[in-house]
């Protein structure tokens, strides 16, 4: 029975990683649609959304079944609880990609407001954070998790910078407001992607160290890794 349980945990881990890969791809394609002014990637994102929804339900069902069937304790129980939470965070990353696509569809119908400089940078950072969270999950590395959490400050700084710049466009000409607002909401979605990646990393720390650092991840990440 223990061997079968370990095999089932391995399958569950693969499902989470598949969901993570899909979430990353959704954000990447959503931003590609904006940068390239191409609607095709939007259709990819919408197709992947259905896959994400199915995966979320399947993973949650599997977690519940394993808890009921095997009554795990200690590390194994923490792992299953972490998987359930990460599953939810990844589904929300996918939701943010869909939100970006909705704003991109509006922007594709009008001339560009300005060259895109900071938004692609912000998107790349947010995607790197999701990837970093998944690597930390795969390796069981609290160090990698905390390193990834630190990147959230860069994403927040870019979000603030984008907001301030677009605010000047809105103040200079009211006709700029719809396009500027769509770009602000896109940045906001990317900021939320980074937040979900941070939450994933906090779950990894919980698994590895048994410490619940939710709501204080940045504070903990600023300390020496050896202190955990």
C-alpha atoms as a PDB file:
ATOM      1  CA  UNK A   1       0.000   0.000   0.000  1.00  0.00           C
ATOM      2  CA  UNK A   2       2.768   2.548   0.793  1.00  0.00           C
ATOM      3  CA  UNK A   3       4.326   1.895  -2.629  1.00  0.00           C
ATOM      4  CA  UNK A   4       0.972   2.432  -4.358  1.00  0.00           C
ATOM      5  CA  UNK A   5       0.457   5.629  -2.366  1.00  0.00           C
ATOM      6  CA  UNK A   6       3.877   6.928  -3.439  1.00  0.00           C
ATOM      7  CA  UNK A   7       3.015   6.184  -7.060  1.00  0.00           C
ATOM      8  CA  UNK A   8      -0.265   8.053  -6.734  1.00  0.00           C
ATOM      9  CA  UNK A   9       1.556  11.046  -5.225  1.00  0.00           C
ATOM     10  CA  UNK A  10       3.965  11.019  -8.170  1.00  0.00           C
ATOM     11  CA  UNK A  11       1.063  11.080 -10.619  1.00  0.00           C
ATOM     12  CA  UNK A  12      -0.501  13.948  -8.702  1.00  0.00           C
ATOM     13  CA  UNK A  13       2.769  15.884  -8.840  1.00  0.00           C
ATOM     14  CA  UNK A  14       2.894  15.447 -12.627  1.00  0.00           C
ATOM     15  CA  UNK A  15      -0.665  16.728 -12.948  1.00  0.00           C
ATOM     16  CA  UNK A  16       0.215  19.869 -10.973  1.00  0.00           C
ATOM     17  CA  UNK A  17       3.265  20.495 -13.167  1.00  0.00           C
ATOM     18  CA  UNK A  18       1.142  20.044 -16.292  1.00  0.00           C
ATOM     19  CA  UNK A  19      -1.297  22.600 -14.934  1.00  0.00           C
ATOM     20  CA  UNK A  20       1.614  24.932 -14.153  1.00  0.00           C
ATOM     21  CA  UNK A  21       3.017  24.618 -17.669  1.00  0.00           C
ATOM     22  CA  UNK A  22      -0.409  25.446 -19.080  1.00  0.00           C
ATOM     23  CA  UNK A  23      -0.768  28.477 -16.795  1.00  0.00           C
ATOM     24  CA  UNK A  24       2.620  29.807 -17.931  1.00  0.00           C
ATOM     25  CA  UNK A  25       1.701  29.267 -21.575  1.00  0.00           C
ATOM     26  CA  UNK A  26      -1.584  31.114 -21.118  1.00  0.00           C
ATOM     27  CA  UNK A  27       0.111  34.229 -19.726  1.00  0.00           C
ATOM     28  CA  UNK A  28       2.775  34.092 -22.423  1.00  0.00           C
ATOM     29  CA  UNK A  29       0.199  33.798 -25.224  1.00  0.00           C
ATOM     30  CA  UNK A  30      -2.000  36.543 -23.778  1.00  0.00           C
ATOM     31  CA  UNK A  31       0.932  38.953 -23.821  1.00  0.00           C
ATOM     32  CA  UNK A  32       2.000  37.770 -27.265  1.00  0.00           C
ATOM     33  CA  UNK A  33      -1.434  38.775 -28.536  1.00  0.00           C
ATOM     34  CA  UNK A  34      -0.905  42.277 -27.135  1.00  0.00           C
ATOM     35  CA  UNK A  35       2.676  42.762 -28.299  1.00  0.00           C
ATOM     36  CA  UNK A  36       2.122  41.299 -31.785  1.00  0.00           C
ATOM     37  CA  UNK A  37      -1.404  42.730 -32.097  1.00  0.00           C
ATOM     38  CA  UNK A  38      -2.567  39.274 -33.139  1.00  0.00           C
ATOM     39  CA  UNK A  39      -5.832  37.643 -32.084  1.00  0.00           C
ATOM     40  CA  UNK A  40      -4.723  34.044 -32.714  1.00  0.00           C
ATOM     41  CA  UNK A  41      -2.982  33.586 -29.336  1.00  0.00           C
ATOM     42  CA  UNK A  42      -6.203  34.677 -27.630  1.00  0.00           C
ATOM     43  CA  UNK A  43      -7.992  31.654 -29.062  1.00  0.00           C
ATOM     44  CA  UNK A  44      -5.231  29.425 -27.672  1.00  0.00           C
ATOM     45  CA  UNK A  45      -5.717  30.929 -24.214  1.00  0.00           C
ATOM     46  CA  UNK A  46      -9.467  30.327 -24.310  1.00  0.00           C
ATOM     47  CA  UNK A  47      -8.938  26.681 -25.315  1.00  0.00           C
ATOM     48  CA  UNK A  48      -6.426  26.201 -22.504  1.00  0.00           C
ATOM     49  CA  UNK A  49      -8.888  27.678 -20.023  1.00  0.00           C
ATOM     50  CA  UNK A  50     -11.158  24.661 -20.495  1.00  0.00           C
ATOM     51  CA  UNK A  51      -8.193  22.333 -19.948  1.00  0.00           C
ATOM     52  CA  UNK A  52      -7.251  24.208 -16.763  1.00  0.00           C
ATOM     53  CA  UNK A  53     -10.778  23.917 -15.390  1.00  0.00           C
ATOM     54  CA  UNK A  54     -10.809  20.166 -16.021  1.00  0.00           C
ATOM     55  CA  UNK A  55      -7.380  19.703 -14.447  1.00  0.00           C
ATOM     56  CA  UNK A  56      -8.366  21.685 -11.368  1.00  0.00           C
ATOM     57  CA  UNK A  57     -11.386  19.475 -10.736  1.00  0.00           C
ATOM     58  CA  UNK A  58      -9.401  16.277 -11.380  1.00  0.00           C
ATOM     59  CA  UNK A  59      -6.581  17.282  -9.019  1.00  0.00           C
ATOM     60  CA  UNK A  60      -8.946  18.348  -6.250  1.00  0.00           C
ATOM     61  CA  UNK A  61     -10.862  15.073  -6.548  1.00  0.00           C
ATOM     62  CA  UNK A  62      -7.618  13.112  -6.406  1.00  0.00           C
ATOM     63  CA  UNK A  63      -6.436  14.973  -3.294  1.00  0.00           C
ATOM     64  CA  UNK A  64      -9.687  14.255  -1.473  1.00  0.00           C
ATOM     65  CA  UNK A  65      -9.616  10.596  -2.508  1.00  0.00           C
ATOM     66  CA  UNK A  66      -6.027  10.119  -1.305  1.00  0.00           C
ATOM     67  CA  UNK A  67      -6.753  11.736   2.060  1.00  0.00           C
ATOM     68  CA  UNK A  68      -9.851   9.621   2.600  1.00  0.00           C
ATOM     69  CA  UNK A  69      -8.259   6.387   1.375  1.00  0.00           C
ATOM     70  CA  UNK A  70      -4.826   6.592   2.991  1.00  0.00           C
ATOM     71  CA  UNK A  71      -5.350   8.950   5.967  1.00  0.00           C
ATOM     72  CA  UNK A  72      -1.857  10.427   5.490  1.00  0.00           C
ATOM     73  CA  UNK A  73      -0.035  12.240   8.276  1.00  0.00           C
ATOM     74  CA  UNK A  74       2.921  14.610   8.678  1.00  0.00           C
ATOM     75  CA  UNK A  75       4.817  15.313   5.423  1.00  0.00           C
ATOM     76  CA  UNK A  76       2.414  13.426   3.162  1.00  0.00           C
ATOM     77  CA  UNK A  77      -0.596  15.295   4.538  1.00  0.00           C
ATOM     78  CA  UNK A  78       1.194  18.626   4.157  1.00  0.00           C
ATOM     79  CA  UNK A  79       2.012  17.700   0.570  1.00  0.00           C
ATOM     80  CA  UNK A  80      -1.623  17.001  -0.270  1.00  0.00           C
ATOM     81  CA  UNK A  81      -2.801  20.208   1.383  1.00  0.00           C
ATOM     82  CA  UNK A  82      -0.127  22.133  -0.528  1.00  0.00           C
ATOM     83  CA  UNK A  83      -1.191  20.552  -3.820  1.00  0.00           C
ATOM     84  CA  UNK A  84      -4.805  21.600  -3.249  1.00  0.00           C
ATOM     85  CA  UNK A  85      -3.744  25.196  -2.594  1.00  0.00           C
ATOM     86  CA  UNK A  86      -1.274  25.364  -5.475  1.00  0.00           C
ATOM     87  CA  UNK A  87      -3.945  23.915  -7.734  1.00  0.00           C
ATOM     88  CA  UNK A  88      -6.199  26.837  -6.860  1.00  0.00           C
ATOM     89  CA  UNK A  89      -3.435  29.400  -7.375  1.00  0.00           C
ATOM     90  CA  UNK A  90      -2.582  28.036 -10.834  1.00  0.00           C
ATOM     91  CA  UNK A  91      -6.211  28.119 -11.898  1.00  0.00           C
ATOM     92  CA  UNK A  92      -6.302  31.783 -10.897  1.00  0.00           C
ATOM     93  CA  UNK A  93      -3.176  32.455 -12.960  1.00  0.00           C
ATOM     94  CA  UNK A  94      -5.123  31.083 -15.908  1.00  0.00           C
ATOM     95  CA  UNK A  95      -8.044  33.367 -15.032  1.00  0.00           C
ATOM     96  CA  UNK A  96      -5.708  36.370 -15.085  1.00  0.00           C
ATOM     97  CA  UNK A  97      -4.491  35.357 -18.551  1.00  0.00           C
ATOM     98  CA  UNK A  98      -8.126  35.330 -19.713  1.00  0.00           C
ATOM     99  CA  UNK A  99      -8.617  38.789 -18.168  1.00  0.00           C
ATOM    100  CA  UNK A 100      -5.589  40.049 -20.100  1.00  0.00           C
ATOM    101  CA  UNK A 101      -7.081  38.659 -23.301  1.00  0.00           C
ATOM    102  CA  UNK A 102     -10.319  40.550 -22.696  1.00  0.00           C
ATOM    103  CA  UNK A 103      -8.384  43.810 -22.470  1.00  0.00           C
ATOM    104  CA  UNK A 104      -6.249  42.912 -25.485  1.00  0.00           C
ATOM    105  CA  UNK A 105      -9.362  42.350 -27.588  1.00  0.00           C
ATOM    106  CA  UNK A 106     -10.375  45.938 -26.843  1.00  0.00           C
ATOM    107  CA  UNK A 107      -6.898  47.236 -27.686  1.00  0.00           C
ATOM    108  CA  UNK A 108      -6.670  45.366 -30.992  1.00  0.00           C
ATOM    109  CA  UNK A 109      -9.614  47.345 -32.308  1.00  0.00           C
ATOM    110  CA  UNK A 110      -7.918  50.729 -31.857  1.00  0.00           C
ATOM    111  CA  UNK A 111      -4.514  52.272 -32.713  1.00  0.00           C
ATOM    112  CA  UNK A 112      -1.738  51.674 -30.141  1.00  0.00           C
ATOM    113  CA  UNK A 113      -1.626  54.292 -27.396  1.00  0.00           C
ATOM    114  CA  UNK A 114       2.144  54.050 -26.896  1.00  0.00           C
ATOM    115  CA  UNK A 115       5.082  51.701 -27.453  1.00  0.00           C
ATOM    116  CA  UNK A 116       5.020  48.776 -25.068  1.00  0.00           C
ATOM    117  CA  UNK A 117       8.171  48.760 -22.944  1.00  0.00           C
ATOM    118  CA  UNK A 118       7.436  48.023 -19.288  1.00  0.00           C
ATOM    119  CA  UNK A 119       4.468  45.686 -19.771  1.00  0.00           C
ATOM    120  CA  UNK A 120       6.526  43.014 -21.593  1.00  0.00           C
ATOM    121  CA  UNK A 121       9.180  43.283 -18.864  1.00  0.00           C
ATOM    122  CA  UNK A 122       6.518  42.880 -16.202  1.00  0.00           C
ATOM    123  CA  UNK A 123       5.036  39.898 -18.010  1.00  0.00           C
ATOM    124  CA  UNK A 124       8.420  38.209 -18.279  1.00  0.00           C
ATOM    125  CA  UNK A 125       9.072  38.685 -14.568  1.00  0.00           C
ATOM    126  CA  UNK A 126       5.634  37.356 -13.618  1.00  0.00           C
ATOM    127  CA  UNK A 127       6.118  34.300 -15.833  1.00  0.00           C
ATOM    128  CA  UNK A 128       9.553  33.706 -14.317  1.00  0.00           C
ATOM    129  CA  UNK A 129       7.990  33.814 -10.864  1.00  0.00           C
ATOM    130  CA  UNK A 130       5.391  31.189 -11.786  1.00  0.00           C
ATOM    131  CA  UNK A 131       8.154  29.034 -13.241  1.00  0.00           C
ATOM    132  CA  UNK A 132      10.302  29.588 -10.161  1.00  0.00           C
ATOM    133  CA  UNK A 133       7.447  28.508  -7.934  1.00  0.00           C
ATOM    134  CA  UNK A 134       7.012  25.320  -9.938  1.00  0.00           C
ATOM    135  CA  UNK A 135      10.750  24.584  -9.818  1.00  0.00           C
ATOM    136  CA  UNK A 136      10.690  25.106  -6.047  1.00  0.00           C
ATOM    137  CA  UNK A 137       7.732  22.722  -5.861  1.00  0.00           C
ATOM    138  CA  UNK A 138       9.500  20.092  -7.991  1.00  0.00           C
ATOM    139  CA  UNK A 139      12.784  20.321  -6.101  1.00  0.00           C
ATOM    140  CA  UNK A 140      11.240  20.817  -2.677  1.00  0.00           C
ATOM    141  CA  UNK A 141      13.451  23.877  -2.307  1.00  0.00           C
ATOM    142  CA  UNK A 142      12.541  26.548   0.238  1.00  0.00           C
ATOM    143  CA  UNK A 143      15.593  28.525  -0.924  1.00  0.00           C
ATOM    144  CA  UNK A 144      14.285  28.695  -4.497  1.00  0.00           C
ATOM    145  CA  UNK A 145      10.829  29.591  -3.184  1.00  0.00           C
ATOM    146  CA  UNK A 146      12.134  32.528  -1.138  1.00  0.00           C
ATOM    147  CA  UNK A 147      14.332  33.684  -4.014  1.00  0.00           C
ATOM    148  CA  UNK A 148      11.248  33.778  -6.236  1.00  0.00           C
ATOM    149  CA  UNK A 149       9.211  35.681  -3.653  1.00  0.00           C
ATOM    150  CA  UNK A 150      11.837  38.447  -3.654  1.00  0.00           C
ATOM    151  CA  UNK A 151      11.091  39.149  -7.331  1.00  0.00           C
ATOM    152  CA  UNK A 152       7.593  40.326  -6.434  1.00  0.00           C
ATOM    153  CA  UNK A 153       8.961  43.745  -5.440  1.00  0.00           C
ATOM    154  CA  UNK A 154      10.207  44.268  -9.003  1.00  0.00           C
ATOM    155  CA  UNK A 155       6.800  43.395 -10.411  1.00  0.00           C
ATOM    156  CA  UNK A 156       5.081  45.785  -7.982  1.00  0.00           C
ATOM    157  CA  UNK A 157       7.502  48.573  -8.931  1.00  0.00           C
ATOM    158  CA  UNK A 158       6.789  48.109 -12.635  1.00  0.00           C
ATOM    159  CA  UNK A 159       3.054  48.076 -11.938  1.00  0.00           C
ATOM    160  CA  UNK A 160       3.314  51.416 -10.121  1.00  0.00           C
ATOM    161  CA  UNK A 161       5.459  52.883 -12.881  1.00  0.00           C
ATOM    162  CA  UNK A 162       3.029  51.783 -15.603  1.00  0.00           C
ATOM    163  CA  UNK A 163       0.081  53.215 -13.686  1.00  0.00           C
ATOM    164  CA  UNK A 164       1.760  56.602 -13.228  1.00  0.00           C
ATOM    165  CA  UNK A 165       2.741  56.842 -16.878  1.00  0.00           C
ATOM    166  CA  UNK A 166      -0.690  55.872 -18.191  1.00  0.00           C
ATOM    167  CA  UNK A 167      -2.346  58.276 -15.782  1.00  0.00           C
ATOM    168  CA  UNK A 168      -0.547  61.131 -17.542  1.00  0.00           C
ATOM    169  CA  UNK A 169      -1.955  59.920 -20.874  1.00  0.00           C
ATOM    170  CA  UNK A 170      -5.473  59.926 -19.447  1.00  0.00           C
ATOM    171  CA  UNK A 171      -5.054  63.403 -17.974  1.00  0.00           C
ATOM    172  CA  UNK A 172      -3.692  64.824 -21.216  1.00  0.00           C
ATOM    173  CA  UNK A 173      -6.597  63.653 -23.376  1.00  0.00           C
ATOM    174  CA  UNK A 174      -9.859  62.006 -22.255  1.00  0.00           C
ATOM    175  CA  UNK A 175      -9.931  60.082 -25.526  1.00  0.00           C
ATOM    176  CA  UNK A 176      -6.965  58.086 -24.238  1.00  0.00           C
ATOM    177  CA  UNK A 177      -8.854  56.797 -21.213  1.00  0.00           C
ATOM    178  CA  UNK A 178     -10.283  53.516 -22.650  1.00  0.00           C
ATOM    179  CA  UNK A 179      -6.911  52.405 -24.056  1.00  0.00           C
ATOM    180  CA  UNK A 180      -4.942  53.524 -21.001  1.00  0.00           C
ATOM    181  CA  UNK A 181      -7.406  51.816 -18.667  1.00  0.00           C
ATOM    182  CA  UNK A 182      -7.136  48.551 -20.626  1.00  0.00           C
ATOM    183  CA  UNK A 183      -3.341  48.675 -20.268  1.00  0.00           C
ATOM    184  CA  UNK A 184      -3.602  49.469 -16.552  1.00  0.00           C
ATOM    185  CA  UNK A 185      -5.909  46.484 -16.055  1.00  0.00           C
ATOM    186  CA  UNK A 186      -3.474  44.306 -18.002  1.00  0.00           C
ATOM    187  CA  UNK A 187      -0.669  45.373 -15.666  1.00  0.00           C
ATOM    188  CA  UNK A 188      -2.939  44.689 -12.711  1.00  0.00           C
ATOM    189  CA  UNK A 189      -3.543  41.147 -13.973  1.00  0.00           C
ATOM    190  CA  UNK A 190       0.203  40.580 -14.294  1.00  0.00           C
ATOM    191  CA  UNK A 191       0.671  41.859 -10.758  1.00  0.00           C
ATOM    192  CA  UNK A 192      -1.906  39.313  -9.606  1.00  0.00           C
ATOM    193  CA  UNK A 193      -0.061  36.542 -11.497  1.00  0.00           C
ATOM    194  CA  UNK A 194       3.045  37.427  -9.487  1.00  0.00           C
ATOM    195  CA  UNK A 195       0.977  37.361  -6.279  1.00  0.00           C
ATOM    196  CA  UNK A 196      -0.280  33.863  -7.107  1.00  0.00           C
ATOM    197  CA  UNK A 197       3.314  32.771  -7.766  1.00  0.00           C
ATOM    198  CA  UNK A 198       4.259  34.170  -4.357  1.00  0.00           C
ATOM    199  CA  UNK A 199       1.451  32.169  -2.762  1.00  0.00           C
ATOM    200  CA  UNK A 200       2.719  29.009  -4.461  1.00  0.00           C
ATOM    201  CA  UNK A 201       6.188  29.630  -3.058  1.00  0.00           C
ATOM    202  CA  UNK A 202       4.774  30.144   0.422  1.00  0.00           C
ATOM    203  CA  UNK A 203       3.129  26.728   0.142  1.00  0.00           C
ATOM    204  CA  UNK A 204       6.479  25.187  -0.785  1.00  0.00           C
ATOM    205  CA  UNK A 205       8.036  26.689   2.347  1.00  0.00           C
ATOM    206  CA  UNK A 206       5.165  25.202   4.347  1.00  0.00           C
ATOM    207  CA  UNK A 207       5.854  21.764   2.882  1.00  0.00           C
ATOM    208  CA  UNK A 208       9.631  21.840   3.319  1.00  0.00           C
ATOM    209  CA  UNK A 209       9.946  23.679   6.631  1.00  0.00           C
ATOM    210  CA  UNK A 210       6.528  23.199   8.180  1.00  0.00           C
ATOM    211  CA  UNK A 211       6.250  26.995   8.513  1.00  0.00           C
ATOM    212  CA  UNK A 212       3.153  28.938   7.504  1.00  0.00           C
ATOM    213  CA  UNK A 213       4.506  32.224   6.074  1.00  0.00           C
ATOM    214  CA  UNK A 214       1.325  33.333   4.335  1.00  0.00           C
ATOM    215  CA  UNK A 215       0.862  37.122   4.468  1.00  0.00           C
ATOM    216  CA  UNK A 216       4.498  37.571   5.478  1.00  0.00           C
ATOM    217  CA  UNK A 217       6.328  35.935   2.580  1.00  0.00           C
ATOM    218  CA  UNK A 218       8.253  39.049   1.556  1.00  0.00           C
ATOM    219  CA  UNK A 219       9.334  39.746   5.105  1.00  0.00           C
ATOM    220  CA  UNK A 220      10.602  36.202   5.525  1.00  0.00           C
ATOM    221  CA  UNK A 221      12.255  36.212   2.090  1.00  0.00           C
ATOM    222  CA  UNK A 222      14.268  39.263   3.127  1.00  0.00           C
ATOM    223  CA  UNK A 223      15.957  37.323   5.909  1.00  0.00           C
ATOM    224  CA  UNK A 224      18.930  35.013   5.603  1.00  0.00           C
ATOM    225  CA  UNK A 225      17.879  31.678   4.111  1.00  0.00           C
ATOM    226  CA  UNK A 226      19.731  29.780   6.808  1.00  0.00           C
ATOM    227  CA  UNK A 227      17.516  31.287   9.495  1.00  0.00           C
ATOM    228  CA  UNK A 228      14.527  29.214   8.369  1.00  0.00           C
END
